[in-house]
Amino acid sequence: MTTTHIDGVTVTTQASVYFDGKCVSHGITYPDGTKKSVGVVLPAALTFNTGAPEIMECVAGGCEYKLAGSGTWLKSGPGDTFSIPGNSSFDIRVTEPYHYICHFG
């Protein structure tokens, strides 16, 4: 199921902008302190590094991704998720805007 609304959160109004504007996100914080980000990756081929483990949830558009150490590109579309270990990285290829929620932890 694709997340369409997130109620009861605090939103950071200043965007985080990465890769010369190819990725833009806003941080959200739940009442219990849980943090996530909501954003979009515009068409590009990028490499993201992780500190903590992450789960990427596609809410619209799509991408192909490859986890560090893997030679396999996988597809992610609306309602799909993929997990990235902490202190790792993943490559992402986007041909249409990829709207996502990044779940940290």
PDB file of N, CA and C in Angstrom:
ATOM      1  N   MET A   1       0.841  -1.174   0.000  1.00  0.00           N
ATOM      2  CA  MET A   1       0.000   0.000   0.000  1.00  0.00           C
ATOM      3  C   MET A   1       0.891   1.243   0.000  1.00  0.00           C
ATOM      4  N   THR A   2       0.572   2.194  -0.830  1.00  0.00           N
ATOM      5  CA  THR A   2       1.339   3.421  -0.949  1.00  0.00           C
ATOM      6  C   THR A   2       0.868   4.438   0.086  1.00  0.00           C
ATOM      7  N   THR A   3       1.810   5.027   0.804  1.00  0.00           N
ATOM      8  CA  THR A   3       1.488   6.079   1.762  1.00  0.00           C
ATOM      9  C   THR A   3       1.092   7.327   0.993  1.00  0.00           C
ATOM     10  N   THR A   4      -0.075   7.895   1.291  1.00  0.00           N
ATOM     11  CA  THR A   4      -0.520   9.106   0.599  1.00  0.00           C
ATOM     12  C   THR A   4      -0.595  10.308   1.524  1.00  0.00           C
ATOM     13  N   HIS A   5      -0.719  10.091   2.837  1.00  0.00           N
ATOM     14  CA  HIS A   5      -0.786  11.182   3.815  1.00  0.00           C
ATOM     15  C   HIS A   5      -0.023  10.769   5.070  1.00  0.00           C
ATOM     16  N   ILE A   6       0.575  11.741   5.720  1.00  0.00           N
ATOM     17  CA  ILE A   6       1.221  11.500   7.005  1.00  0.00           C
ATOM     18  C   ILE A   6       0.664  12.548   7.956  1.00  0.00           C
ATOM     19  N   ASP A   7      -0.149  12.119   8.900  1.00  0.00           N
ATOM     20  CA  ASP A   7      -0.788  13.038   9.829  1.00  0.00           C
ATOM     21  C   ASP A   7       0.019  13.167  11.117  1.00  0.00           C
ATOM     22  N   GLY A   8      -0.131  14.308  11.797  1.00  0.00           N
ATOM     23  CA  GLY A   8       0.421  14.496  13.128  1.00  0.00           C
ATOM     24  C   GLY A   8       1.926  14.589  13.209  1.00  0.00           C
ATOM     25  N   VAL A   9       2.578  15.140  12.187  1.00  0.00           N
ATOM     26  CA  VAL A   9       4.037  15.259  12.196  1.00  0.00           C
ATOM     27  C   VAL A   9       4.459  16.726  12.141  1.00  0.00           C
ATOM     28  N   THR A  10       5.693  16.967  12.487  1.00  0.00           N
ATOM     29  CA  THR A  10       6.314  18.268  12.317  1.00  0.00           C
ATOM     30  C   THR A  10       7.170  18.211  11.057  1.00  0.00           C
ATOM     31  N   VAL A  11       7.062  19.230  10.203  1.00  0.00           N
ATOM     32  CA  VAL A  11       7.789  19.259   8.937  1.00  0.00           C
ATOM     33  C   VAL A  11       8.855  20.352   8.989  1.00  0.00           C
ATOM     34  N   THR A  12      10.070  20.014   8.582  1.00  0.00           N
ATOM     35  CA  THR A  12      11.127  21.000   8.413  1.00  0.00           C
ATOM     36  C   THR A  12      10.849  21.725   7.104  1.00  0.00           C
ATOM     37  N   THR A  13      10.618  23.032   7.178  1.00  0.00           N
ATOM     38  CA  THR A  13      10.195  23.752   5.981  1.00  0.00           C
ATOM     39  C   THR A  13      11.332  24.043   5.015  1.00  0.00           C
ATOM     40  N   GLN A  14      12.569  24.125   5.507  1.00  0.00           N
ATOM     41  CA  GLN A  14      13.688  24.328   4.589  1.00  0.00           C
ATOM     42  C   GLN A  14      14.099  22.981   4.013  1.00  0.00           C
ATOM     43  N   ALA A  15      14.127  22.910   2.708  1.00  0.00           N
ATOM     44  CA  ALA A  15      14.463  21.659   2.031  1.00  0.00           C
ATOM     45  C   ALA A  15      15.951  21.350   2.136  1.00  0.00           C
ATOM     46  N   SER A  16      16.260  20.058   2.121  1.00  0.00           N
ATOM     47  CA  SER A  16      17.620  19.583   1.920  1.00  0.00           C
ATOM     48  C   SER A  16      17.767  19.336   0.426  1.00  0.00           C
ATOM     49  N   VAL A  17      18.761  19.953  -0.187  1.00  0.00           N
ATOM     50  CA  VAL A  17      18.956  19.855  -1.630  1.00  0.00           C
ATOM     51  C   VAL A  17      20.311  19.191  -1.882  1.00  0.00           C
ATOM     52  N   TYR A  18      20.292  18.106  -2.641  1.00  0.00           N
ATOM     53  CA  TYR A  18      21.497  17.328  -2.921  1.00  0.00           C
ATOM     54  C   TYR A  18      21.718  17.220  -4.426  1.00  0.00           C
ATOM     55  N   PHE A  19      22.955  16.936  -4.789  1.00  0.00           N
ATOM     56  CA  PHE A  19      23.303  16.648  -6.189  1.00  0.00           C
ATOM     57  C   PHE A  19      22.808  17.752  -7.126  1.00  0.00           C
ATOM     58  N   ASP A  20      23.146  19.003  -6.792  1.00  0.00           N
ATOM     59  CA  ASP A  20      22.795  20.156  -7.643  1.00  0.00           C
ATOM     60  C   ASP A  20      21.308  20.205  -7.968  1.00  0.00           C
ATOM     61  N   GLY A  21      20.476  19.866  -6.987  1.00  0.00           N
ATOM     62  CA  GLY A  21      19.032  19.955  -7.164  1.00  0.00           C
ATOM     63  C   GLY A  21      18.374  18.709  -7.715  1.00  0.00           C
ATOM     64  N   LYS A  22      19.138  17.645  -7.923  1.00  0.00           N
ATOM     65  CA  LYS A  22      18.544  16.406  -8.446  1.00  0.00           C
ATOM     66  C   LYS A  22      17.768  15.640  -7.369  1.00  0.00           C
ATOM     67  N   CYS A  23      18.001  15.951  -6.105  1.00  0.00           N
ATOM     68  CA  CYS A  23      17.267  15.342  -4.998  1.00  0.00           C
ATOM     69  C   CYS A  23      16.919  16.441  -4.001  1.00  0.00           C
ATOM     70  N   VAL A  24      15.632  16.545  -3.683  1.00  0.00           N
ATOM     71  CA  VAL A  24      15.148  17.551  -2.731  1.00  0.00           C
ATOM     72  C   VAL A  24      14.250  16.839  -1.730  1.00  0.00           C
ATOM     73  N   SER A  25      14.497  17.068  -0.432  1.00  0.00           N
ATOM     74  CA  SER A  25      13.682  16.404   0.581  1.00  0.00           C
ATOM     75  C   SER A  25      13.399  17.338   1.756  1.00  0.00           C
ATOM     76  N   HIS A  26      12.376  16.973   2.520  1.00  0.00           N
ATOM     77  CA  HIS A  26      12.007  17.671   3.748  1.00  0.00           C
ATOM     78  C   HIS A  26      11.984  16.646   4.870  1.00  0.00           C
ATOM     79  N   GLY A  27      12.531  17.011   6.013  1.00  0.00           N
ATOM     80  CA  GLY A  27      12.509  16.145   7.182  1.00  0.00           C
ATOM     81  C   GLY A  27      11.171  16.230   7.879  1.00  0.00           C
ATOM     82  N   ILE A  28      10.717  15.098   8.390  1.00  0.00           N
ATOM     83  CA  ILE A  28       9.509  15.076   9.208  1.00  0.00           C
ATOM     84  C   ILE A  28       9.837  14.347  10.506  1.00  0.00           C
ATOM     85  N   THR A  29       9.176  14.781  11.582  1.00  0.00           N
ATOM     86  CA  THR A  29       9.370  14.165  12.892  1.00  0.00           C
ATOM     87  C   THR A  29       8.015  13.805  13.471  1.00  0.00           C
ATOM     88  N   TYR A  30       7.884  12.563  13.900  1.00  0.00           N
ATOM     89  CA  TYR A  30       6.664  12.087  14.529  1.00  0.00           C
ATOM     90  C   TYR A  30       6.661  12.496  16.007  1.00  0.00           C
ATOM     91  N   PRO A  31       5.495  12.503  16.647  1.00  0.00           N
ATOM     92  CA  PRO A  31       5.432  12.868  18.063  1.00  0.00           C
ATOM     93  C   PRO A  31       6.348  12.024  18.951  1.00  0.00           C
ATOM     94  N   ASP A  32       6.620  10.767  18.573  1.00  0.00           N
ATOM     95  CA  ASP A  32       7.498   9.907  19.386  1.00  0.00           C
ATOM     96  C   ASP A  32       8.981  10.138  19.099  1.00  0.00           C
ATOM     97  N   GLY A  33       9.297  11.102  18.203  1.00  0.00           N
ATOM     98  CA  GLY A  33      10.684  11.416  17.882  1.00  0.00           C
ATOM     99  C   GLY A  33      11.220  10.713  16.654  1.00  0.00           C
ATOM    100  N   THR A  34      10.473   9.776  16.086  1.00  0.00           N
ATOM    101  CA  THR A  34      10.893   9.086  14.865  1.00  0.00           C
ATOM    102  C   THR A  34      11.056  10.098  13.733  1.00  0.00           C
ATOM    103  N   LYS A  35      12.165   9.989  12.993  1.00  0.00           N
ATOM    104  CA  LYS A  35      12.439  10.906  11.894  1.00  0.00           C
ATOM    105  C   LYS A  35      12.414  10.167  10.561  1.00  0.00           C
ATOM    106  N   LYS A  36      11.875  10.841   9.559  1.00  0.00           N
ATOM    107  CA  LYS A  36      11.847  10.337   8.192  1.00  0.00           C
ATOM    108  C   LYS A  36      12.088  11.531   7.281  1.00  0.00           C
ATOM    109  N   SER A  37      12.270  11.281   6.009  1.00  0.00           N
ATOM    110  CA  SER A  37      12.304  12.379   5.044  1.00  0.00           C
ATOM    111  C   SER A  37      11.382  12.034   3.886  1.00  0.00           C
ATOM    112  N   VAL A  38      10.834  13.064   3.298  1.00  0.00           N
ATOM    113  CA  VAL A  38       9.922  12.937   2.165  1.00  0.00           C
ATOM    114  C   VAL A  38      10.507  13.785   1.049  1.00  0.00           C
ATOM    115  N   GLY A  39      10.671  13.212  -0.136  1.00  0.00           N
ATOM    116  CA  GLY A  39      11.292  13.991  -1.196  1.00  0.00           C
ATOM    117  C   GLY A  39      11.092  13.424  -2.572  1.00  0.00           C
ATOM    118  N   VAL A  40      11.865  13.983  -3.482  1.00  0.00           N
ATOM    119  CA  VAL A  40      11.803  13.566  -4.877  1.00  0.00           C
ATOM    120  C   VAL A  40      13.224  13.564  -5.450  1.00  0.00           C
ATOM    121  N   VAL A  41      13.500  12.550  -6.282  1.00  0.00           N
ATOM    122  CA  VAL A  41      14.741  12.491  -7.055  1.00  0.00           C
ATOM    123  C   VAL A  41      14.339  12.722  -8.507  1.00  0.00           C
ATOM    124  N   LEU A  42      14.943  13.711  -9.124  1.00  0.00           N
ATOM    125  CA  LEU A  42      14.674  14.011 -10.531  1.00  0.00           C
ATOM    126  C   LEU A  42      15.546  13.126 -11.412  1.00  0.00           C
ATOM    127  N   PRO A  43      15.242  13.020 -12.712  1.00  0.00           N
ATOM    128  CA  PRO A  43      16.011  12.132 -13.579  1.00  0.00           C
ATOM    129  C   PRO A  43      17.520  12.343 -13.458  1.00  0.00           C
ATOM    130  N   ALA A  44      18.205  11.261 -13.092  1.00  0.00           N
ATOM    131  CA  ALA A  44      19.657  11.295 -12.877  1.00  0.00           C
ATOM    132  C   ALA A  44      20.134   9.885 -12.547  1.00  0.00           C
ATOM    133  N   ALA A  45      21.437   9.725 -12.491  1.00  0.00           N
ATOM    134  CA  ALA A  45      22.085   8.525 -11.961  1.00  0.00           C
ATOM    135  C   ALA A  45      22.950   8.999 -10.801  1.00  0.00           C
ATOM    136  N   LEU A  46      22.652   8.541  -9.577  1.00  0.00           N
ATOM    137  CA  LEU A  46      23.281   9.065  -8.369  1.00  0.00           C
ATOM    138  C   LEU A  46      23.715   7.935  -7.449  1.00  0.00           C
ATOM    139  N   THR A  47      24.627   8.252  -6.522  1.00  0.00           N
ATOM    140  CA  THR A  47      25.023   7.325  -5.464  1.00  0.00           C
ATOM    141  C   THR A  47      24.762   7.993  -4.125  1.00  0.00           C
ATOM    142  N   PHE A  48      23.984   7.322  -3.281  1.00  0.00           N
ATOM    143  CA  PHE A  48      23.687   7.807  -1.936  1.00  0.00           C
ATOM    144  C   PHE A  48      24.437   6.964  -0.923  1.00  0.00           C
ATOM    145  N   ASN A  49      24.975   7.611   0.106  1.00  0.00           N
ATOM    146  CA  ASN A  49      25.624   6.925   1.216  1.00  0.00           C
ATOM    147  C   ASN A  49      24.678   6.937   2.412  1.00  0.00           C
ATOM    148  N   THR A  50      24.726   5.882   3.215  1.00  0.00           N
ATOM    149  CA  THR A  50      23.891   5.804   4.400  1.00  0.00           C
ATOM    150  C   THR A  50      24.749   5.805   5.660  1.00  0.00           C
ATOM    151  N   GLY A  51      24.221   6.418   6.707  1.00  0.00           N
ATOM    152  CA  GLY A  51      24.817   6.309   8.037  1.00  0.00           C
ATOM    153  C   GLY A  51      24.064   5.212   8.778  1.00  0.00           C
ATOM    154  N   ALA A  52      22.795   5.493   9.066  1.00  0.00           N
ATOM    155  CA  ALA A  52      21.895   4.511   9.688  1.00  0.00           C
ATOM    156  C   ALA A  52      21.234   3.691   8.590  1.00  0.00           C
ATOM    157  N   PRO A  53      20.695   2.526   8.940  1.00  0.00           N
ATOM    158  CA  PRO A  53      19.918   1.765   7.954  1.00  0.00           C
ATOM    159  C   PRO A  53      18.739   2.602   7.461  1.00  0.00           C
ATOM    160  N   GLU A  54      18.348   2.403   6.223  1.00  0.00           N
ATOM    161  CA  GLU A  54      17.238   3.140   5.629  1.00  0.00           C
ATOM    162  C   GLU A  54      16.325   2.186   4.879  1.00  0.00           C
ATOM    163  N   ILE A  55      15.048   2.567   4.824  1.00  0.00           N
ATOM    164  CA  ILE A  55      14.084   1.901   3.954  1.00  0.00           C
ATOM    165  C   ILE A  55      13.521   2.980   3.045  1.00  0.00           C
ATOM    166  N   MET A  56      13.655   2.773   1.745  1.00  0.00           N
ATOM    167  CA  MET A  56      13.111   3.704   0.760  1.00  0.00           C
ATOM    168  C   MET A  56      11.757   3.185   0.310  1.00  0.00           C
ATOM    169  N   GLU A  57      10.725   4.031   0.450  1.00  0.00           N
ATOM    170  CA  GLU A  57       9.366   3.703   0.023  1.00  0.00           C
ATOM    171  C   GLU A  57       9.006   4.575  -1.162  1.00  0.00           C
ATOM    172  N   CYS A  58       8.655   3.971  -2.278  1.00  0.00           N
ATOM    173  CA  CYS A  58       8.250   4.721  -3.466  1.00  0.00           C
ATOM    174  C   CYS A  58       6.776   5.089  -3.345  1.00  0.00           C
ATOM    175  N   VAL A  59       6.467   6.386  -3.457  1.00  0.00           N
ATOM    176  CA  VAL A  59       5.071   6.818  -3.415  1.00  0.00           C
ATOM    177  C   VAL A  59       4.557   7.223  -4.794  1.00  0.00           C
ATOM    178  N   ALA A  60       5.449   7.522  -5.724  1.00  0.00           N
ATOM    179  CA  ALA A  60       5.064   7.818  -7.111  1.00  0.00           C
ATOM    180  C   ALA A  60       6.310   7.748  -7.978  1.00  0.00           C
ATOM    181  N   GLY A  61       6.106   7.527  -9.265  1.00  0.00           N
ATOM    182  CA  GLY A  61       7.235   7.418 -10.189  1.00  0.00           C
ATOM    183  C   GLY A  61       7.901   6.066 -10.040  1.00  0.00           C
ATOM    184  N   GLY A  62       9.192   6.028 -10.216  1.00  0.00           N
ATOM    185  CA  GLY A  62       9.922   4.782 -10.096  1.00  0.00           C
ATOM    186  C   GLY A  62      11.402   4.989 -10.275  1.00  0.00           C
ATOM    187  N   CYS A  63      12.145   3.935  -9.988  1.00  0.00           N
ATOM    188  CA  CYS A  63      13.603   3.998 -10.130  1.00  0.00           C
ATOM    189  C   CYS A  63      14.135   2.594 -10.322  1.00  0.00           C
ATOM    190  N   GLU A  64      15.406   2.531 -10.657  1.00  0.00           N
ATOM    191  CA  GLU A  64      16.190   1.307 -10.574  1.00  0.00           C
ATOM    192  C   GLU A  64      17.265   1.570  -9.542  1.00  0.00           C
ATOM    193  N   TYR A  65      17.585   0.571  -8.732  1.00  0.00           N
ATOM    194  CA  TYR A  65      18.594   0.749  -7.697  1.00  0.00           C
ATOM    195  C   TYR A  65      19.491  -0.482  -7.625  1.00  0.00           C
ATOM    196  N   LYS A  66      20.699  -0.247  -7.111  1.00  0.00           N
ATOM    197  CA  LYS A  66      21.679  -1.317  -6.932  1.00  0.00           C
ATOM    198  C   LYS A  66      22.372  -1.081  -5.605  1.00  0.00           C
ATOM    199  N   LEU A  67      22.288  -2.037  -4.702  1.00  0.00           N
ATOM    200  CA  LEU A  67      22.933  -1.919  -3.405  1.00  0.00           C
ATOM    201  C   LEU A  67      24.439  -2.116  -3.541  1.00  0.00           C
ATOM    202  N   ALA A  68      25.201  -1.505  -2.631  1.00  0.00           N
ATOM    203  CA  ALA A  68      26.658  -1.666  -2.629  1.00  0.00           C
ATOM    204  C   ALA A  68      27.013  -3.143  -2.598  1.00  0.00           C
ATOM    205  N   GLY A  69      27.957  -3.536  -3.424  1.00  0.00           N
ATOM    206  CA  GLY A  69      28.403  -4.917  -3.472  1.00  0.00           C
ATOM    207  C   GLY A  69      27.571  -5.822  -4.360  1.00  0.00           C
ATOM    208  N   SER A  70      26.485  -5.282  -4.916  1.00  0.00           N
ATOM    209  CA  SER A  70      25.630  -6.072  -5.805  1.00  0.00           C
ATOM    210  C   SER A  70      25.862  -5.639  -7.242  1.00  0.00           C
ATOM    211  N   GLY A  71      25.755  -6.552  -8.150  1.00  0.00           N
ATOM    212  CA  GLY A  71      25.856  -6.212  -9.562  1.00  0.00           C
ATOM    213  C   GLY A  71      24.494  -6.152 -10.235  1.00  0.00           C
ATOM    214  N   THR A  72      23.425  -6.273  -9.427  1.00  0.00           N
ATOM    215  CA  THR A  72      22.083  -6.399  -9.971  1.00  0.00           C
ATOM    216  C   THR A  72      21.271  -5.128  -9.768  1.00  0.00           C
ATOM    217  N   TRP A  73      20.729  -4.607 -10.863  1.00  0.00           N
ATOM    218  CA  TRP A  73      19.809  -3.473 -10.794  1.00  0.00           C
ATOM    219  C   TRP A  73      18.402  -4.025 -10.584  1.00  0.00           C
ATOM    220  N   LEU A  74      17.678  -3.443  -9.635  1.00  0.00           N
ATOM    221  CA  LEU A  74      16.303  -3.842  -9.338  1.00  0.00           C
ATOM    222  C   LEU A  74      15.384  -2.643  -9.530  1.00  0.00           C
ATOM    223  N   LYS A  75      14.105  -2.914  -9.808  1.00  0.00           N
ATOM    224  CA  LYS A  75      13.141  -1.832 -10.028  1.00  0.00           C
ATOM    225  C   LYS A  75      12.306  -1.603  -8.779  1.00  0.00           C
ATOM    226  N   SER A  76      11.926  -0.340  -8.568  1.00  0.00           N
ATOM    227  CA  SER A  76      11.043   0.038  -7.474  1.00  0.00           C
ATOM    228  C   SER A  76       9.995   0.993  -8.024  1.00  0.00           C
ATOM    229  N   GLY A  77       8.717   0.687  -7.758  1.00  0.00           N
ATOM    230  CA  GLY A  77       7.622   1.531  -8.211  1.00  0.00           C
ATOM    231  C   GLY A  77       6.683   1.832  -7.057  1.00  0.00           C
ATOM    232  N   PRO A  78       5.591   2.524  -7.322  1.00  0.00           N
ATOM    233  CA  PRO A  78       4.664   2.918  -6.260  1.00  0.00           C
ATOM    234  C   PRO A  78       4.261   1.738  -5.370  1.00  0.00           C
ATOM    235  N   GLY A  79       4.416   1.937  -4.061  1.00  0.00           N
ATOM    236  CA  GLY A  79       4.086   0.906  -3.083  1.00  0.00           C
ATOM    237  C   GLY A  79       5.240  -0.021  -2.759  1.00  0.00           C
ATOM    238  N   ASP A  80       6.327   0.022  -3.552  1.00  0.00           N
ATOM    239  CA  ASP A  80       7.492  -0.826  -3.303  1.00  0.00           C
ATOM    240  C   ASP A  80       8.420  -0.180  -2.282  1.00  0.00           C
ATOM    241  N   THR A  81       9.164  -1.011  -1.569  1.00  0.00           N
ATOM    242  CA  THR A  81      10.206  -0.537  -0.661  1.00  0.00           C
ATOM    243  C   THR A  81      11.485  -1.324  -0.930  1.00  0.00           C
ATOM    244  N   PHE A  82      12.616  -0.712  -0.552  1.00  0.00           N
ATOM    245  CA  PHE A  82      13.867  -1.460  -0.519  1.00  0.00           C
ATOM    246  C   PHE A  82      14.695  -0.959   0.650  1.00  0.00           C
ATOM    247  N   SER A  83      15.492  -1.866   1.212  1.00  0.00           N
ATOM    248  CA  SER A  83      16.261  -1.587   2.427  1.00  0.00           C
ATOM    249  C   SER A  83      17.739  -1.466   2.114  1.00  0.00           C
ATOM    250  N   ILE A  84      18.373  -0.501   2.783  1.00  0.00           N
ATOM    251  CA  ILE A  84      19.808  -0.280   2.637  1.00  0.00           C
ATOM    252  C   ILE A  84      20.426  -0.381   4.031  1.00  0.00           C
ATOM    253  N   PRO A  85      21.486  -1.174   4.191  1.00  0.00           N
ATOM    254  CA  PRO A  85      22.132  -1.267   5.500  1.00  0.00           C
ATOM    255  C   PRO A  85      22.785   0.060   5.888  1.00  0.00           C
ATOM    256  N   GLY A  86      23.053   0.216   7.179  1.00  0.00           N
ATOM    257  CA  GLY A  86      23.793   1.380   7.659  1.00  0.00           C
ATOM    258  C   GLY A  86      25.229   1.337   7.182  1.00  0.00           C
ATOM    259  N   ASN A  87      25.849   2.500   7.101  1.00  0.00           N
ATOM    260  CA  ASN A  87      27.239   2.632   6.674  1.00  0.00           C
ATOM    261  C   ASN A  87      27.487   1.905   5.359  1.00  0.00           C
ATOM    262  N   SER A  88      26.594   2.159   4.409  1.00  0.00           N
ATOM    263  CA  SER A  88      26.679   1.522   3.103  1.00  0.00           C
ATOM    264  C   SER A  88      26.336   2.564   2.042  1.00  0.00           C
ATOM    265  N   SER A  89      25.937   2.089   0.860  1.00  0.00           N
ATOM    266  CA  SER A  89      25.544   2.998  -0.210  1.00  0.00           C
ATOM    267  C   SER A  89      24.644   2.262  -1.196  1.00  0.00           C
ATOM    268  N   PHE A  90      24.006   3.053  -2.060  1.00  0.00           N
ATOM    269  CA  PHE A  90      23.254   2.468  -3.164  1.00  0.00           C
ATOM    270  C   PHE A  90      23.291   3.420  -4.341  1.00  0.00           C
ATOM    271  N   ASP A  91      23.271   2.842  -5.530  1.00  0.00           N
ATOM    272  CA  ASP A  91      23.173   3.610  -6.767  1.00  0.00           C
ATOM    273  C   ASP A  91      21.711   3.640  -7.167  1.00  0.00           C
ATOM    274  N   ILE A  92      21.289   4.755  -7.743  1.00  0.00           N
ATOM    275  CA  ILE A  92      19.907   4.894  -8.176  1.00  0.00           C
ATOM    276  C   ILE A  92      19.887   5.526  -9.559  1.00  0.00           C
ATOM    277  N   ARG A  93      19.040   4.971 -10.429  1.00  0.00           N
ATOM    278  CA  ARG A  93      18.826   5.531 -11.769  1.00  0.00           C
ATOM    279  C   ARG A  93      17.355   5.910 -11.869  1.00  0.00           C
ATOM    280  N   VAL A  94      17.115   7.160 -12.235  1.00  0.00           N
ATOM    281  CA  VAL A  94      15.754   7.689 -12.297  1.00  0.00           C
ATOM    282  C   VAL A  94      15.530   8.288 -13.678  1.00  0.00           C
ATOM    283  N   THR A  95      14.445   7.885 -14.346  1.00  0.00           N
ATOM    284  CA  THR A  95      14.114   8.448 -15.651  1.00  0.00           C
ATOM    285  C   THR A  95      12.860   9.311 -15.603  1.00  0.00           C
ATOM    286  N   GLU A  96      12.099   9.210 -14.505  1.00  0.00           N
ATOM    287  CA  GLU A  96      10.939  10.059 -14.249  1.00  0.00           C
ATOM    288  C   GLU A  96      11.017  10.419 -12.767  1.00  0.00           C
ATOM    289  N   PRO A  97      10.441  11.541 -12.337  1.00  0.00           N
ATOM    290  CA  PRO A  97      10.556  11.888 -10.916  1.00  0.00           C
ATOM    291  C   PRO A  97      10.155  10.719 -10.007  1.00  0.00           C
ATOM    292  N   TYR A  98      11.030  10.426  -9.051  1.00  0.00           N
ATOM    293  CA  TYR A  98      10.853   9.345  -8.075  1.00  0.00           C
ATOM    294  C   TYR A  98      10.515   9.990  -6.745  1.00  0.00           C
ATOM    295  N   HIS A  99       9.268   9.873  -6.314  1.00  0.00           N
ATOM    296  CA  HIS A  99       8.800  10.438  -5.050  1.00  0.00           C
ATOM    297  C   HIS A  99       8.939   9.368  -3.976  1.00  0.00           C
ATOM    298  N   TYR A 100       9.516   9.738  -2.840  1.00  0.00           N
ATOM    299  CA  TYR A 100       9.840   8.726  -1.839  1.00  0.00           C
ATOM    300  C   TYR A 100       9.611   9.217  -0.416  1.00  0.00           C
ATOM    301  N   ILE A 101       9.532   8.233   0.482  1.00  0.00           N
ATOM    302  CA  ILE A 101       9.659   8.441   1.919  1.00  0.00           C
ATOM    303  C   ILE A 101      10.851   7.626   2.338  1.00  0.00           C
ATOM    304  N   CYS A 102      11.793   8.250   3.042  1.00  0.00           N
ATOM    305  CA  CYS A 102      12.944   7.531   3.566  1.00  0.00           C
ATOM    306  C   CYS A 102      12.712   7.306   5.054  1.00  0.00           C
ATOM    307  N   HIS A 103      12.642   6.029   5.436  1.00  0.00           N
ATOM    308  CA  HIS A 103      12.443   5.634   6.830  1.00  0.00           C
ATOM    309  C   HIS A 103      13.812   5.328   7.412  1.00  0.00           C
ATOM    310  N   PHE A 104      14.222   6.060   8.445  1.00  0.00           N
ATOM    311  CA  PHE A 104      15.528   5.861   9.068  1.00  0.00           C
ATOM    312  C   PHE A 104      15.411   4.901  10.236  1.00  0.00           C
ATOM    313  N   GLY A 105      16.496   4.177  10.488  1.00  0.00           N
ATOM    314  CA  GLY A 105      16.488   3.382  11.706  1.00  0.00           C
ATOM    315  C   GLY A 105      16.872   1.990  11.509  1.00  0.00           C
TER     316      GLY A 105
END
